[in-house]
Protein backbone atom coordinates (compact mmCIF):
# COMPACT_ATOMS: atom_id res chain seq x y z
CA MET A 1 28.32 -56.73 -130.58
CA LYS A 2 26.43 -57.44 -133.79
CA LYS A 3 28.68 -57.09 -136.80
CA VAL A 4 29.35 -58.56 -140.22
CA TYR A 5 32.65 -58.34 -142.07
CA TYR A 6 31.94 -58.94 -145.74
CA LEU A 7 32.70 -57.91 -149.31
CA LYS A 8 30.09 -55.82 -151.11
CA THR A 9 31.40 -57.19 -154.42
CA CYS A 10 31.05 -60.84 -153.36
CA SER A 11 27.79 -62.37 -154.58
CA THR A 12 28.01 -65.14 -151.96
CA CYS A 13 28.31 -62.61 -149.12
CA ILE A 14 25.36 -60.61 -150.48
CA ARG A 15 23.25 -63.76 -150.85
CA ILE A 16 24.02 -64.79 -147.25
CA LEU A 17 23.17 -61.32 -145.91
CA LYS A 18 19.81 -61.43 -147.71
CA GLU A 19 19.19 -64.95 -146.42
CA LEU A 20 19.93 -63.92 -142.83
CA ASN A 21 17.67 -60.86 -143.05
CA LEU A 22 19.67 -59.13 -140.32
CA PRO A 23 18.01 -56.72 -137.88
CA SER A 24 18.89 -53.02 -138.24
CA ASP A 25 21.16 -53.05 -135.17
CA PHE A 26 23.87 -54.93 -137.13
CA VAL A 27 26.95 -53.04 -138.31
CA LEU A 28 28.12 -54.06 -141.79
CA GLN A 29 31.76 -53.49 -142.69
CA ASP A 30 32.84 -53.85 -146.31
CA ILE A 31 36.44 -55.00 -145.79
CA LYS A 32 37.50 -53.77 -149.23
CA THR A 33 36.62 -50.14 -148.53
CA GLU A 34 37.16 -50.15 -144.75
CA ASP A 35 40.28 -52.01 -143.66
CA ILE A 36 40.19 -54.44 -140.77
CA THR A 37 42.01 -52.93 -137.81
CA VAL A 38 44.41 -54.82 -135.55
CA LYS A 39 41.90 -54.41 -132.70
CA GLN A 40 39.04 -55.83 -134.81
CA LEU A 41 41.14 -58.80 -135.89
CA GLU A 42 42.20 -59.45 -132.30
CA GLN A 43 38.52 -59.41 -131.23
CA MET A 44 37.71 -61.94 -133.98
CA LYS A 45 40.64 -64.11 -132.88
CA ALA A 46 39.47 -64.02 -129.26
CA LEU A 47 36.09 -65.39 -130.37
CA SER A 48 37.38 -67.90 -132.93
CA GLY A 49 40.40 -69.18 -131.01
CA SER A 50 43.00 -68.61 -133.74
CA TYR A 51 43.97 -66.47 -136.69
CA GLU A 52 44.14 -69.61 -138.81
CA ALA A 53 40.39 -70.15 -138.28
CA LEU A 54 39.80 -66.71 -139.83
CA PHE A 55 42.20 -67.29 -142.73
CA SER A 56 40.95 -68.20 -146.19
CA LYS A 57 43.04 -70.84 -147.90
CA ARG A 58 40.82 -70.42 -150.96
CA ALA A 59 42.05 -66.87 -151.62
CA LYS A 60 43.62 -66.36 -155.04
CA LEU A 61 46.68 -64.75 -153.42
CA TYR A 62 47.17 -67.84 -151.24
CA LYS A 63 47.81 -69.86 -154.38
CA GLU A 64 49.73 -67.11 -156.18
CA MET A 65 52.09 -66.61 -153.23
CA ASP A 66 52.50 -70.39 -152.86
CA LEU A 67 51.64 -70.15 -149.16
CA LYS A 68 50.39 -73.73 -149.01
CA ASN A 69 53.98 -74.89 -149.27
CA GLN A 70 55.12 -72.72 -146.37
CA GLN A 71 54.98 -73.39 -142.62
CA LEU A 72 52.61 -70.62 -141.55
CA GLU A 73 52.27 -69.71 -137.89
CA GLU A 74 49.61 -67.67 -136.08
CA ARG A 75 51.55 -64.43 -136.54
CA ASP A 76 51.78 -65.13 -140.30
CA TYR A 77 48.01 -65.62 -140.58
CA LYS A 78 47.46 -62.37 -138.67
CA HIS A 79 49.96 -60.52 -140.88
CA TYR A 80 48.41 -61.73 -144.15
CA ILE A 81 44.82 -60.96 -143.07
CA LEU A 82 45.84 -57.41 -142.10
CA GLU A 83 47.89 -57.03 -145.28
CA HIS A 84 45.13 -57.98 -147.72
CA TYR A 85 41.39 -58.32 -147.18
CA THR A 86 41.06 -61.40 -149.41
CA PHE A 87 42.80 -63.50 -146.76
CA LEU A 88 39.83 -63.13 -144.39
CA SER A 89 37.42 -66.03 -144.75
CA ARG A 90 34.08 -64.34 -145.31
CA PRO A 91 31.64 -63.39 -144.26
CA VAL A 92 32.51 -63.16 -140.58
CA ILE A 93 29.34 -62.73 -138.55
CA ILE A 94 29.56 -61.76 -134.90
CA ILE A 95 26.45 -62.04 -132.75
CA ASP A 96 27.21 -61.05 -129.16
CA ASP A 97 29.87 -63.60 -128.05
CA ALA A 98 29.44 -66.00 -130.99
CA ILE A 99 31.37 -65.92 -134.25
CA PHE A 100 30.43 -67.52 -137.56
CA ILE A 101 33.18 -67.70 -140.16
CA GLY A 102 32.79 -68.46 -143.84
CA ASN A 103 29.98 -69.36 -146.18
CA SER A 104 29.35 -73.06 -145.64
CA LYS A 105 25.71 -74.07 -145.31
CA LYS A 106 26.38 -75.33 -141.76
CA VAL A 107 27.85 -71.97 -140.67
CA VAL A 108 25.00 -69.99 -142.23
CA GLU A 109 22.39 -72.23 -140.59
CA ALA A 110 24.12 -71.86 -137.19
CA ALA A 111 24.10 -68.04 -137.59
CA LYS A 112 20.39 -68.17 -138.51
CA ALA A 113 19.64 -70.25 -135.42
CA LYS A 114 21.51 -67.76 -133.21
CA LEU A 115 19.44 -64.89 -134.64
CA LEU A 116 16.15 -66.50 -133.63
């Protein structure tokens, strides 16, 4: 599978997509207009090892809902990601059996290397 979960309105996601110069066989899913399904999230979890790895603690709602002061478990991370797209750390890039989560330079470089 070659897929990217991203936000079309996120300048960082757009910059990373341009930087990666993805081949045409990639499927792009704008998570704001096309919700993440339970099956998709479970596939991402299988590759990443946990829902927490996919969860963005930098999301505005994370602060607003005061989630940092709560004991969150895997099922909570799954619930919040499915409830609101901003909880997914983005972009999430899947290349075959490898997953790259987030926008750190290290993650982007690793995704680039996998594309070569």
